[in-house]
Amino acid sequence: MIDRRPIKYHIVQLGDLDRGRFENALGLAEQIQSAFEFDMQPEPLPIPPRKFRLKNGAYDIDSYTRESSEISKLSRPCILVTSMPYGDRDTGHIPDYFYFGELGFLNGIAVISTYLWEHEGRHPELAPYVLLMLATAVLGDKARADLQFHERTEGCL
């Protein structure tokens, strides 16, 4: 018999986020499908300490997730969501070099940043972006599909 219970993902706000618009998109995601459930933690986690801030203004969220005792206590699978710029140590010196997210669920955690979408200036609605990122994350996670992504963001979306 096929197990038809929804697969639950824990959503945790990290630092800043337009939470109302993000939660509206989560509600829409749950209305249009029944395979996945998104449970948003009521309290956001604070902005990572200054040592995780990079020269270009991004946050090294990957390093933070490995070192944070708060993150280690979170239920898995977990999707961290933020509107902070997301980067890493290797590219943290390059101006405006930010990521949309890390959707591979490394150690059970994925990251979605709305920073590039919101600061691009051409996209007034957040829901299409959130739905795209959630779908990519959960389908890639559960299907174990080798989904291909492009790295270059110039002209993207």
N, C-alpha and C. Protein backbone atom coordinates (compact mmCIF):
# COMPACT_ATOMS: atom_id res chain seq x y z
N MET A 1 0.84 -1.17 0.00
CA MET A 1 0.00 0.00 0.00
C MET A 1 0.90 1.25 0.00
N ILE A 2 0.52 2.22 -0.77
CA ILE A 2 1.29 3.45 -0.88
C ILE A 2 0.96 4.37 0.29
N ASP A 3 2.00 4.88 0.94
CA ASP A 3 1.82 5.83 2.03
C ASP A 3 1.49 7.20 1.43
N ARG A 4 0.32 7.72 1.73
CA ARG A 4 -0.12 8.98 1.13
C ARG A 4 -0.08 10.17 2.10
N ARG A 5 0.56 9.95 3.24
CA ARG A 5 0.71 11.06 4.17
C ARG A 5 1.66 12.09 3.58
N PRO A 6 1.37 13.39 3.79
CA PRO A 6 2.28 14.40 3.24
C PRO A 6 3.65 14.35 3.91
N ILE A 7 4.66 14.69 3.16
CA ILE A 7 6.03 14.77 3.67
C ILE A 7 6.20 16.16 4.25
N LYS A 8 6.61 16.23 5.52
CA LYS A 8 6.69 17.51 6.21
C LYS A 8 8.08 18.12 6.11
N TYR A 9 8.09 19.41 5.78
CA TYR A 9 9.32 20.21 5.77
C TYR A 9 9.16 21.30 6.82
N HIS A 10 10.19 21.48 7.62
CA HIS A 10 10.20 22.51 8.65
C HIS A 10 10.81 23.77 8.06
N ILE A 11 10.08 24.86 8.12
CA ILE A 11 10.53 26.13 7.56
C ILE A 11 10.93 27.04 8.72
N VAL A 12 12.14 27.59 8.65
CA VAL A 12 12.65 28.42 9.74
C VAL A 12 13.17 29.72 9.16
N GLN A 13 12.65 30.82 9.68
CA GLN A 13 13.12 32.15 9.26
C GLN A 13 14.47 32.42 9.91
N LEU A 14 15.41 32.88 9.10
CA LEU A 14 16.74 33.26 9.60
C LEU A 14 16.91 34.75 9.34
N GLY A 15 16.96 35.52 10.39
CA GLY A 15 17.15 36.97 10.24
C GLY A 15 15.94 37.62 9.59
N ASP A 16 16.20 38.57 8.71
CA ASP A 16 15.14 39.36 8.09
C ASP A 16 14.39 38.56 7.03
N LEU A 17 13.08 38.88 6.90
CA LEU A 17 12.23 38.26 5.89
C LEU A 17 10.90 38.99 5.89
N ASP A 18 10.33 39.20 4.70
CA ASP A 18 8.95 39.71 4.63
C ASP A 18 8.06 38.50 4.91
N ARG A 19 7.88 38.25 6.18
CA ARG A 19 7.24 37.01 6.64
C ARG A 19 5.80 36.88 6.14
N GLY A 20 5.06 37.96 6.12
CA GLY A 20 3.67 37.89 5.68
C GLY A 20 3.57 37.41 4.24
N ARG A 21 4.37 38.00 3.37
CA ARG A 21 4.34 37.58 1.96
C ARG A 21 4.87 36.16 1.79
N PHE A 22 5.87 35.79 2.57
CA PHE A 22 6.40 34.43 2.49
C PHE A 22 5.34 33.43 2.96
N GLU A 23 4.67 33.71 4.06
CA GLU A 23 3.64 32.80 4.57
C GLU A 23 2.47 32.69 3.61
N ASN A 24 2.13 33.78 2.92
CA ASN A 24 1.08 33.70 1.90
C ASN A 24 1.48 32.72 0.80
N ALA A 25 2.73 32.76 0.38
CA ALA A 25 3.21 31.83 -0.64
C ALA A 25 3.19 30.39 -0.12
N LEU A 26 3.54 30.19 1.14
CA LEU A 26 3.48 28.85 1.73
C LEU A 26 2.05 28.33 1.73
N GLY A 27 1.11 29.21 2.07
CA GLY A 27 -0.30 28.82 2.05
C GLY A 27 -0.74 28.40 0.66
N LEU A 28 -0.31 29.14 -0.33
CA LEU A 28 -0.63 28.79 -1.71
C LEU A 28 -0.01 27.44 -2.08
N ALA A 29 1.22 27.20 -1.66
CA ALA A 29 1.89 25.93 -1.94
C ALA A 29 1.10 24.76 -1.36
N GLU A 30 0.53 24.94 -0.19
CA GLU A 30 -0.24 23.86 0.43
C GLU A 30 -1.62 23.70 -0.22
N GLN A 31 -2.17 24.78 -0.78
CA GLN A 31 -3.46 24.70 -1.46
C GLN A 31 -3.37 23.96 -2.79
N ILE A 32 -2.26 24.08 -3.50
CA ILE A 32 -2.17 23.54 -4.85
C ILE A 32 -1.62 22.12 -4.92
N GLN A 33 -1.21 21.57 -3.79
CA GLN A 33 -0.71 20.20 -3.78
C GLN A 33 -0.91 19.60 -2.39
N SER A 34 -0.85 18.28 -2.31
CA SER A 34 -1.06 17.63 -1.01
C SER A 34 0.07 16.68 -0.64
N ALA A 35 1.11 16.60 -1.45
CA ALA A 35 2.21 15.67 -1.17
C ALA A 35 3.17 16.19 -0.12
N PHE A 36 3.25 17.52 0.01
CA PHE A 36 4.21 18.13 0.93
C PHE A 36 3.49 19.08 1.88
N GLU A 37 3.97 19.12 3.10
CA GLU A 37 3.43 20.01 4.12
C GLU A 37 4.57 20.91 4.59
N PHE A 38 4.25 22.18 4.78
CA PHE A 38 5.26 23.15 5.20
C PHE A 38 4.86 23.73 6.55
N ASP A 39 5.69 23.47 7.55
CA ASP A 39 5.42 23.90 8.92
C ASP A 39 6.41 25.00 9.28
N MET A 40 5.92 26.25 9.35
CA MET A 40 6.81 27.37 9.64
C MET A 40 6.94 27.56 11.14
N GLN A 41 8.17 27.55 11.61
CA GLN A 41 8.47 27.78 13.03
C GLN A 41 8.00 29.18 13.41
N PRO A 42 7.32 29.32 14.54
CA PRO A 42 6.77 30.63 14.90
C PRO A 42 7.81 31.72 15.18
N GLU A 43 8.93 31.33 15.75
CA GLU A 43 9.93 32.33 16.12
C GLU A 43 11.11 32.29 15.14
N PRO A 44 11.51 33.46 14.62
CA PRO A 44 12.67 33.47 13.72
C PRO A 44 13.98 33.32 14.50
N LEU A 45 14.97 32.79 13.83
CA LEU A 45 16.32 32.77 14.39
C LEU A 45 16.95 34.13 14.13
N PRO A 46 17.84 34.57 15.02
CA PRO A 46 18.46 35.89 14.83
C PRO A 46 19.43 35.91 13.64
N ILE A 47 19.75 37.11 13.21
CA ILE A 47 20.76 37.29 12.17
C ILE A 47 22.06 36.67 12.67
N PRO A 48 22.77 35.94 11.79
CA PRO A 48 24.04 35.32 12.23
C PRO A 48 25.03 36.37 12.76
N PRO A 49 25.90 35.95 13.67
CA PRO A 49 26.91 36.88 14.21
C PRO A 49 27.79 37.49 13.12
N ARG A 50 28.40 38.58 13.45
CA ARG A 50 29.21 39.36 12.51
C ARG A 50 30.31 38.55 11.82
N LYS A 51 30.82 37.54 12.49
CA LYS A 51 31.90 36.75 11.89
C LYS A 51 31.45 36.02 10.62
N PHE A 52 30.15 35.91 10.39
CA PHE A 52 29.64 35.26 9.19
C PHE A 52 29.29 36.26 8.08
N ARG A 53 29.54 37.54 8.34
CA ARG A 53 29.30 38.57 7.33
C ARG A 53 30.54 38.69 6.44
N LEU A 54 30.33 38.67 5.15
CA LEU A 54 31.42 38.70 4.18
C LEU A 54 31.70 40.12 3.71
N LYS A 55 32.84 40.35 3.05
CA LYS A 55 33.23 41.68 2.59
C LYS A 55 32.22 42.30 1.64
N ASN A 56 31.55 41.48 0.83
CA ASN A 56 30.57 42.01 -0.13
C ASN A 56 29.19 42.23 0.48
N GLY A 57 29.05 41.99 1.79
CA GLY A 57 27.78 42.22 2.48
C GLY A 57 26.93 40.98 2.62
N ALA A 58 27.31 39.89 1.96
CA ALA A 58 26.55 38.64 2.06
C ALA A 58 26.84 37.96 3.40
N TYR A 59 26.02 36.99 3.72
CA TYR A 59 26.23 36.16 4.90
C TYR A 59 26.64 34.77 4.45
N ASP A 60 27.62 34.19 5.12
CA ASP A 60 28.06 32.82 4.87
C ASP A 60 27.15 31.91 5.69
N ILE A 61 25.96 31.67 5.16
CA ILE A 61 24.95 30.89 5.88
C ILE A 61 25.37 29.43 6.00
N ASP A 62 26.09 28.91 5.01
CA ASP A 62 26.53 27.51 5.09
C ASP A 62 27.44 27.28 6.30
N SER A 63 28.41 28.16 6.50
CA SER A 63 29.29 28.03 7.67
C SER A 63 28.50 28.21 8.95
N TYR A 64 27.58 29.14 8.94
CA TYR A 64 26.75 29.37 10.13
C TYR A 64 25.95 28.12 10.49
N THR A 65 25.37 27.46 9.48
CA THR A 65 24.57 26.26 9.78
C THR A 65 25.43 25.14 10.35
N ARG A 66 26.68 25.05 9.95
CA ARG A 66 27.58 24.01 10.48
C ARG A 66 28.00 24.31 11.92
N GLU A 67 28.11 25.59 12.28
CA GLU A 67 28.66 25.96 13.60
C GLU A 67 27.60 26.32 14.64
N SER A 68 26.39 26.58 14.23
CA SER A 68 25.37 27.08 15.15
C SER A 68 24.73 25.96 15.96
N SER A 69 24.72 26.12 17.28
CA SER A 69 24.04 25.14 18.13
C SER A 69 22.52 25.25 17.95
N GLU A 70 22.01 26.45 17.64
CA GLU A 70 20.57 26.61 17.41
C GLU A 70 20.13 25.83 16.17
N ILE A 71 20.93 25.90 15.12
CA ILE A 71 20.61 25.20 13.88
C ILE A 71 20.68 23.69 14.09
N SER A 72 21.65 23.23 14.86
CA SER A 72 21.81 21.78 15.07
C SER A 72 20.59 21.17 15.77
N LYS A 73 19.83 21.97 16.49
CA LYS A 73 18.66 21.48 17.22
C LYS A 73 17.39 21.43 16.37
N LEU A 74 17.43 21.99 15.15
CA LEU A 74 16.23 22.06 14.32
C LEU A 74 15.84 20.69 13.77
N SER A 75 14.53 20.48 13.64
CA SER A 75 14.02 19.25 13.02
C SER A 75 14.40 19.23 11.55
N ARG A 76 14.59 18.04 11.01
CA ARG A 76 14.94 17.87 9.60
C ARG A 76 13.81 17.16 8.88
N PRO A 77 13.64 17.31 7.60
CA PRO A 77 14.32 18.25 6.73
C PRO A 77 13.87 19.68 7.03
N CYS A 78 14.81 20.60 6.90
CA CYS A 78 14.58 21.99 7.28
C CYS A 78 14.96 22.90 6.11
N ILE A 79 14.13 23.92 5.90
CA ILE A 79 14.43 24.94 4.90
C ILE A 79 14.57 26.27 5.63
N LEU A 80 15.77 26.83 5.62
CA LEU A 80 16.00 28.15 6.20
C LEU A 80 15.62 29.19 5.15
N VAL A 81 14.85 30.20 5.54
CA VAL A 81 14.44 31.25 4.62
C VAL A 81 14.86 32.61 5.18
N THR A 82 15.35 33.46 4.29
CA THR A 82 15.85 34.76 4.71
C THR A 82 15.77 35.75 3.56
N SER A 83 15.81 37.02 3.89
CA SER A 83 15.95 38.03 2.83
C SER A 83 17.35 38.64 2.87
N MET A 84 18.22 38.05 3.69
CA MET A 84 19.61 38.52 3.74
C MET A 84 20.34 38.04 2.50
N PRO A 85 21.35 38.80 2.04
CA PRO A 85 22.15 38.30 0.92
C PRO A 85 22.93 37.06 1.34
N TYR A 86 22.96 36.07 0.47
CA TYR A 86 23.54 34.77 0.77
C TYR A 86 24.78 34.56 -0.12
N GLY A 87 25.89 34.23 0.52
CA GLY A 87 27.14 34.02 -0.22
C GLY A 87 28.00 32.99 0.48
N ASP A 88 29.27 32.92 0.07
CA ASP A 88 30.20 32.02 0.74
C ASP A 88 31.60 32.62 0.77
N ARG A 89 32.47 32.03 1.53
CA ARG A 89 33.84 32.55 1.72
C ARG A 89 34.61 32.67 0.41
N ASP A 90 34.41 31.72 -0.51
CA ASP A 90 35.16 31.74 -1.77
C ASP A 90 34.82 32.94 -2.65
N THR A 91 33.60 33.42 -2.58
CA THR A 91 33.17 34.52 -3.45
C THR A 91 32.81 35.78 -2.67
N GLY A 92 33.03 35.75 -1.37
CA GLY A 92 32.63 36.85 -0.50
C GLY A 92 33.35 38.17 -0.73
N HIS A 93 34.39 38.16 -1.53
CA HIS A 93 35.14 39.39 -1.85
C HIS A 93 34.66 40.02 -3.16
N ILE A 94 33.80 39.32 -3.90
CA ILE A 94 33.32 39.81 -5.21
C ILE A 94 32.04 40.62 -4.99
N PRO A 95 32.03 41.89 -5.37
CA PRO A 95 30.83 42.71 -5.17
C PRO A 95 29.61 42.11 -5.87
N ASP A 96 28.48 42.15 -5.19
CA ASP A 96 27.19 41.70 -5.73
C ASP A 96 27.17 40.23 -6.16
N TYR A 97 28.02 39.40 -5.60
CA TYR A 97 28.02 37.97 -5.91
C TYR A 97 27.25 37.25 -4.81
N PHE A 98 25.97 37.00 -5.08
CA PHE A 98 25.08 36.38 -4.10
C PHE A 98 24.40 35.17 -4.72
N TYR A 99 23.84 34.32 -3.87
CA TYR A 99 23.13 33.12 -4.30
C TYR A 99 21.64 33.26 -4.04
N PHE A 100 20.85 32.56 -4.87
CA PHE A 100 19.41 32.47 -4.62
C PHE A 100 19.15 31.49 -3.48
N GLY A 101 19.92 30.43 -3.41
CA GLY A 101 19.72 29.45 -2.36
C GLY A 101 20.62 28.24 -2.55
N GLU A 102 20.54 27.35 -1.60
CA GLU A 102 21.21 26.05 -1.65
C GLU A 102 20.10 25.04 -1.40
N LEU A 103 19.73 24.30 -2.43
CA LEU A 103 18.55 23.45 -2.34
C LEU A 103 18.88 21.97 -2.22
N GLY A 104 20.13 21.65 -1.93
CA GLY A 104 20.56 20.26 -1.88
C GLY A 104 20.34 19.53 -0.58
N PHE A 105 19.81 20.18 0.43
CA PHE A 105 19.57 19.58 1.75
C PHE A 105 20.82 18.93 2.32
N LEU A 106 21.92 19.69 2.31
CA LEU A 106 23.14 19.22 2.94
C LEU A 106 22.89 19.13 4.44
N ASN A 107 23.16 17.99 5.01
CA ASN A 107 22.89 17.74 6.44
C ASN A 107 21.43 18.01 6.78
N GLY A 108 20.54 17.79 5.82
CA GLY A 108 19.11 17.96 6.07
C GLY A 108 18.62 19.39 6.00
N ILE A 109 19.45 20.33 5.55
CA ILE A 109 19.08 21.74 5.53
C ILE A 109 19.22 22.31 4.12
N ALA A 110 18.21 23.03 3.70
CA ALA A 110 18.26 23.80 2.46
C ALA A 110 18.14 25.27 2.84
N VAL A 111 18.55 26.16 1.94
CA VAL A 111 18.50 27.60 2.20
C VAL A 111 17.83 28.29 1.01
N ILE A 112 16.89 29.18 1.32
CA ILE A 112 16.28 30.03 0.29
C ILE A 112 16.46 31.48 0.74
N SER A 113 17.09 32.26 -0.11
CA SER A 113 17.22 33.70 0.14
C SER A 113 16.36 34.44 -0.88
N THR A 114 15.58 35.38 -0.40
CA THR A 114 14.75 36.19 -1.31
C THR A 114 15.47 37.47 -1.72
N TYR A 115 16.70 37.65 -1.27
CA TYR A 115 17.42 38.90 -1.48
C TYR A 115 17.52 39.29 -2.96
N LEU A 116 18.02 38.40 -3.80
CA LEU A 116 18.19 38.75 -5.22
C LEU A 116 16.84 39.01 -5.89
N TRP A 117 15.85 38.23 -5.57
CA TRP A 117 14.52 38.42 -6.16
C TRP A 117 13.95 39.79 -5.78
N GLU A 118 14.05 40.13 -4.52
CA GLU A 118 13.47 41.38 -4.03
C GLU A 118 14.28 42.60 -4.47
N HIS A 119 15.58 42.45 -4.64
CA HIS A 119 16.42 43.60 -4.99
C HIS A 119 16.66 43.74 -6.49
N GLU A 120 16.22 42.78 -7.25
CA GLU A 120 16.33 42.87 -8.70
C GLU A 120 15.48 44.03 -9.22
N GLY A 121 14.31 44.23 -8.59
CA GLY A 121 13.48 45.38 -8.93
C GLY A 121 12.43 45.15 -9.99
N ARG A 122 12.50 44.03 -10.69
CA ARG A 122 11.51 43.77 -11.75
C ARG A 122 10.38 42.88 -11.29
N HIS A 123 10.43 42.36 -10.08
CA HIS A 123 9.48 41.35 -9.64
C HIS A 123 8.74 41.80 -8.37
N PRO A 124 7.54 42.37 -8.54
CA PRO A 124 6.83 42.85 -7.36
C PRO A 124 6.27 41.75 -6.47
N GLU A 125 5.97 40.60 -7.05
CA GLU A 125 5.37 39.51 -6.27
C GLU A 125 6.42 38.51 -5.83
N LEU A 126 6.33 38.08 -4.59
CA LEU A 126 7.27 37.11 -4.03
C LEU A 126 6.81 35.67 -4.26
N ALA A 127 5.51 35.44 -4.33
CA ALA A 127 4.97 34.09 -4.39
C ALA A 127 5.54 33.24 -5.53
N PRO A 128 5.64 33.75 -6.78
CA PRO A 128 6.18 32.89 -7.84
C PRO A 128 7.58 32.38 -7.53
N TYR A 129 8.40 33.23 -6.96
CA TYR A 129 9.77 32.84 -6.62
C TYR A 129 9.77 31.79 -5.50
N VAL A 130 8.99 32.02 -4.46
CA VAL A 130 8.93 31.08 -3.35
C VAL A 130 8.42 29.72 -3.83
N LEU A 131 7.39 29.72 -4.65
CA LEU A 131 6.85 28.46 -5.17
C LEU A 131 7.90 27.72 -6.01
N LEU A 132 8.61 28.44 -6.86
CA LEU A 132 9.67 27.84 -7.67
C LEU A 132 10.74 27.21 -6.79
N MET A 133 11.21 27.95 -5.80
CA MET A 133 12.29 27.46 -4.95
C MET A 133 11.83 26.27 -4.09
N LEU A 134 10.61 26.34 -3.54
CA LEU A 134 10.10 25.21 -2.75
C LEU A 134 9.96 23.96 -3.61
N ALA A 135 9.38 24.13 -4.81
CA ALA A 135 9.19 22.98 -5.69
C ALA A 135 10.53 22.36 -6.07
N THR A 136 11.49 23.18 -6.40
CA THR A 136 12.81 22.68 -6.77
C THR A 136 13.45 21.94 -5.60
N ALA A 137 13.33 22.51 -4.41
CA ALA A 137 13.94 21.90 -3.23
C ALA A 137 13.29 20.56 -2.89
N VAL A 138 11.98 20.53 -2.74
CA VAL A 138 11.33 19.30 -2.27
C VAL A 138 11.30 18.22 -3.33
N LEU A 139 11.12 18.58 -4.59
CA LEU A 139 11.13 17.55 -5.63
C LEU A 139 12.53 16.98 -5.81
N GLY A 140 13.54 17.83 -5.76
CA GLY A 140 14.91 17.35 -5.84
C GLY A 140 15.28 16.49 -4.66
N ASP A 141 14.79 16.85 -3.49
CA ASP A 141 15.09 16.08 -2.28
C ASP A 141 14.43 14.72 -2.32
N LYS A 142 13.17 14.67 -2.61
CA LYS A 142 12.44 13.41 -2.54
C LYS A 142 12.64 12.53 -3.75
N ALA A 143 12.84 13.12 -4.90
CA ALA A 143 13.06 12.32 -6.09
C ALA A 143 14.52 11.91 -6.22
N ARG A 144 15.39 12.55 -5.44
CA ARG A 144 16.83 12.35 -5.55
C ARG A 144 17.27 12.55 -6.99
N ALA A 145 16.55 13.46 -7.64
CA ALA A 145 16.83 13.74 -9.05
C ALA A 145 18.09 14.56 -9.17
N ASP A 146 18.76 14.36 -10.27
CA ASP A 146 19.94 15.16 -10.56
C ASP A 146 19.48 16.39 -11.33
N LEU A 147 18.81 17.30 -10.62
CA LEU A 147 18.31 18.51 -11.27
C LEU A 147 19.46 19.44 -11.57
N GLN A 148 19.46 20.00 -12.74
CA GLN A 148 20.54 20.87 -13.18
C GLN A 148 20.18 22.33 -12.93
N PHE A 149 21.12 23.09 -12.43
CA PHE A 149 20.95 24.51 -12.18
C PHE A 149 22.05 25.25 -12.91
N HIS A 150 21.76 26.48 -13.27
CA HIS A 150 22.83 27.30 -13.85
C HIS A 150 23.33 28.24 -12.77
N GLU A 151 24.58 28.59 -12.83
CA GLU A 151 25.20 29.42 -11.81
C GLU A 151 25.09 30.91 -12.11
N ARG A 152 25.05 31.27 -13.38
CA ARG A 152 25.03 32.67 -13.77
C ARG A 152 23.65 33.25 -13.54
N THR A 153 23.56 34.38 -12.83
CA THR A 153 22.26 34.97 -12.53
C THR A 153 21.95 36.19 -13.39
N GLU A 154 22.90 36.66 -14.16
CA GLU A 154 22.66 37.83 -15.00
C GLU A 154 21.59 37.46 -16.04
N GLY A 155 20.50 38.23 -16.06
CA GLY A 155 19.41 37.99 -16.99
C GLY A 155 18.50 36.83 -16.60
N CYS A 156 18.74 36.25 -15.45
CA CYS A 156 17.94 35.12 -15.02
C CYS A 156 16.59 35.59 -14.50
N LEU A 157 15.61 34.77 -14.69
CA LEU A 157 14.25 35.04 -14.22
C LEU A 157 13.78 36.37 -14.70
